[in-house]
Amino acid sequence: MKKPKLIICDIDGTLVVKHQKLTPRTKKIIDDLRSDGVYFGVASNRAAFLNPVFNEKVGIS
């Protein structure tokens, strides 16, 4: 299987579940993907002004 170049994930119910918090395990997986050269982004139906707060926590610019 080829390594993906880009992964896009939904936020609510996928990256964060209970209490709207990103788990340390999920953060590590995202960091590992980036270290391996995989671009990572998020998609959401959230209001646009809420995403920068989450993006900062995940390290998305």
N, C-alpha and C. Protein backbone atom coordinates (compact mmCIF):
# COMPACT_ATOMS: atom_id res chain seq x y z
N MET A 1 0.84 -1.18 0.00
CA MET A 1 0.00 0.00 0.00
C MET A 1 0.89 1.24 0.00
N LYS A 2 0.56 2.20 -0.84
CA LYS A 2 1.33 3.43 -0.92
C LYS A 2 1.03 4.34 0.27
N LYS A 3 2.06 5.06 0.69
CA LYS A 3 1.89 6.02 1.77
C LYS A 3 1.07 7.20 1.26
N PRO A 4 0.07 7.64 2.03
CA PRO A 4 -0.72 8.80 1.58
C PRO A 4 0.12 10.08 1.64
N LYS A 5 -0.21 11.02 0.79
CA LYS A 5 0.46 12.32 0.80
C LYS A 5 -0.30 13.31 1.67
N LEU A 6 -1.61 13.08 1.79
CA LEU A 6 -2.48 14.00 2.51
C LEU A 6 -3.59 13.22 3.20
N ILE A 7 -3.87 13.60 4.45
CA ILE A 7 -5.00 13.03 5.18
C ILE A 7 -5.83 14.19 5.71
N ILE A 8 -7.13 14.14 5.44
CA ILE A 8 -8.08 15.14 5.95
C ILE A 8 -9.06 14.40 6.86
N CYS A 9 -9.24 14.90 8.07
CA CYS A 9 -10.16 14.28 9.03
C CYS A 9 -11.22 15.27 9.49
N ASP A 10 -12.39 14.74 9.76
CA ASP A 10 -13.44 15.51 10.39
C ASP A 10 -13.04 15.73 11.85
N ILE A 11 -13.50 16.81 12.43
CA ILE A 11 -13.15 17.10 13.83
C ILE A 11 -14.11 16.38 14.78
N ASP A 12 -15.37 16.81 14.82
CA ASP A 12 -16.33 16.30 15.80
C ASP A 12 -16.69 14.85 15.54
N GLY A 13 -16.48 14.02 16.57
CA GLY A 13 -16.82 12.61 16.47
C GLY A 13 -15.76 11.76 15.79
N THR A 14 -14.70 12.40 15.29
CA THR A 14 -13.61 11.66 14.65
C THR A 14 -12.31 11.94 15.39
N LEU A 15 -11.84 13.18 15.33
CA LEU A 15 -10.62 13.54 16.05
C LEU A 15 -10.88 13.82 17.52
N VAL A 16 -12.00 14.41 17.81
CA VAL A 16 -12.36 14.67 19.21
C VAL A 16 -13.71 14.03 19.48
N VAL A 17 -13.83 13.48 20.67
CA VAL A 17 -15.10 12.86 21.03
C VAL A 17 -15.61 13.49 22.32
N LYS A 18 -15.49 12.83 23.40
CA LYS A 18 -16.00 13.35 24.67
C LYS A 18 -15.30 14.64 25.07
N HIS A 19 -16.06 15.56 25.55
CA HIS A 19 -15.57 16.83 26.11
C HIS A 19 -14.79 17.68 25.10
N GLN A 20 -14.90 17.37 23.82
CA GLN A 20 -14.27 18.18 22.77
C GLN A 20 -12.76 18.33 22.94
N LYS A 21 -12.10 17.29 23.46
CA LYS A 21 -10.66 17.37 23.66
C LYS A 21 -9.94 16.37 22.76
N LEU A 22 -8.81 16.80 22.25
CA LEU A 22 -7.94 15.95 21.45
C LEU A 22 -7.12 15.11 22.42
N THR A 23 -7.16 13.79 22.28
CA THR A 23 -6.42 12.94 23.20
C THR A 23 -4.93 12.99 22.88
N PRO A 24 -4.09 12.73 23.88
CA PRO A 24 -2.64 12.68 23.62
C PRO A 24 -2.29 11.64 22.55
N ARG A 25 -3.01 10.53 22.53
CA ARG A 25 -2.76 9.48 21.53
C ARG A 25 -3.03 10.00 20.12
N THR A 26 -4.15 10.70 19.95
CA THR A 26 -4.48 11.25 18.63
C THR A 26 -3.46 12.30 18.22
N LYS A 27 -3.06 13.17 19.14
CA LYS A 27 -2.05 14.19 18.85
C LYS A 27 -0.74 13.54 18.42
N LYS A 28 -0.35 12.45 19.09
CA LYS A 28 0.89 11.75 18.73
C LYS A 28 0.80 11.16 17.33
N ILE A 29 -0.35 10.59 17.00
CA ILE A 29 -0.53 10.02 15.65
C ILE A 29 -0.40 11.11 14.60
N ILE A 30 -1.02 12.26 14.85
CA ILE A 30 -0.92 13.38 13.91
C ILE A 30 0.54 13.82 13.77
N ASP A 31 1.23 13.94 14.90
CA ASP A 31 2.65 14.33 14.87
C ASP A 31 3.49 13.31 14.12
N ASP A 32 3.22 12.02 14.33
CA ASP A 32 3.96 10.96 13.64
C ASP A 32 3.73 11.02 12.13
N LEU A 33 2.48 11.27 11.73
CA LEU A 33 2.18 11.40 10.30
C LEU A 33 2.99 12.54 9.69
N ARG A 34 2.99 13.67 10.37
CA ARG A 34 3.74 14.83 9.87
C ARG A 34 5.24 14.53 9.79
N SER A 35 5.75 13.87 10.81
CA SER A 35 7.17 13.51 10.81
C SER A 35 7.52 12.61 9.64
N ASP A 36 6.53 11.85 9.20
CA ASP A 36 6.74 10.93 8.08
C ASP A 36 6.46 11.61 6.73
N GLY A 37 6.21 12.92 6.77
CA GLY A 37 6.02 13.67 5.53
C GLY A 37 4.60 13.70 4.99
N VAL A 38 3.64 13.27 5.81
CA VAL A 38 2.23 13.27 5.38
C VAL A 38 1.59 14.60 5.81
N TYR A 39 0.97 15.29 4.87
CA TYR A 39 0.24 16.51 5.18
C TYR A 39 -1.05 16.13 5.89
N PHE A 40 -1.43 16.93 6.89
CA PHE A 40 -2.63 16.64 7.67
C PHE A 40 -3.49 17.89 7.77
N GLY A 41 -4.78 17.72 7.53
CA GLY A 41 -5.72 18.83 7.63
C GLY A 41 -7.03 18.38 8.22
N VAL A 42 -7.87 19.35 8.54
CA VAL A 42 -9.18 19.04 9.11
C VAL A 42 -10.29 19.63 8.26
N ALA A 43 -11.43 18.98 8.34
CA ALA A 43 -12.65 19.46 7.70
C ALA A 43 -13.70 19.50 8.80
N SER A 44 -14.56 20.50 8.75
CA SER A 44 -15.55 20.61 9.80
C SER A 44 -16.76 21.41 9.34
N ASN A 45 -17.86 21.12 9.98
CA ASN A 45 -19.07 21.90 9.77
C ASN A 45 -19.20 22.97 10.86
N ARG A 46 -18.16 23.09 11.69
CA ARG A 46 -18.15 24.11 12.74
C ARG A 46 -18.10 25.50 12.12
N ALA A 47 -18.50 26.47 12.91
CA ALA A 47 -18.37 27.86 12.47
C ALA A 47 -16.89 28.16 12.23
N ALA A 48 -16.61 28.89 11.18
CA ALA A 48 -15.22 29.17 10.78
C ALA A 48 -14.40 29.80 11.91
N PHE A 49 -15.01 30.63 12.74
CA PHE A 49 -14.25 31.29 13.80
C PHE A 49 -13.80 30.32 14.90
N LEU A 50 -14.40 29.13 14.98
CA LEU A 50 -14.00 28.15 15.99
C LEU A 50 -12.80 27.31 15.54
N ASN A 51 -12.63 27.12 14.26
CA ASN A 51 -11.55 26.26 13.78
C ASN A 51 -10.15 26.74 14.13
N PRO A 52 -9.84 28.05 14.11
CA PRO A 52 -8.47 28.45 14.47
C PRO A 52 -8.05 27.99 15.85
N VAL A 53 -8.97 27.96 16.81
CA VAL A 53 -8.66 27.49 18.16
C VAL A 53 -8.25 26.02 18.11
N PHE A 54 -9.02 25.20 17.42
CA PHE A 54 -8.69 23.79 17.30
C PHE A 54 -7.41 23.61 16.50
N ASN A 55 -7.28 24.33 15.39
CA ASN A 55 -6.11 24.21 14.54
C ASN A 55 -4.82 24.50 15.30
N GLU A 56 -4.88 25.48 16.19
CA GLU A 56 -3.70 25.82 16.99
C GLU A 56 -3.33 24.65 17.91
N LYS A 57 -4.32 24.01 18.51
CA LYS A 57 -4.07 22.86 19.39
C LYS A 57 -3.42 21.71 18.63
N VAL A 58 -3.83 21.52 17.38
CA VAL A 58 -3.31 20.42 16.57
C VAL A 58 -2.01 20.81 15.88
N GLY A 59 -1.78 22.11 15.75
CA GLY A 59 -0.58 22.58 15.09
C GLY A 59 -0.75 22.79 13.60
N ILE A 60 -1.97 23.07 13.17
CA ILE A 60 -2.25 23.31 11.76
C ILE A 60 -2.17 24.81 11.51
N SER A 61 -1.45 25.17 10.46
CA SER A 61 -1.36 26.60 10.13
C SER A 61 -2.05 26.89 8.82
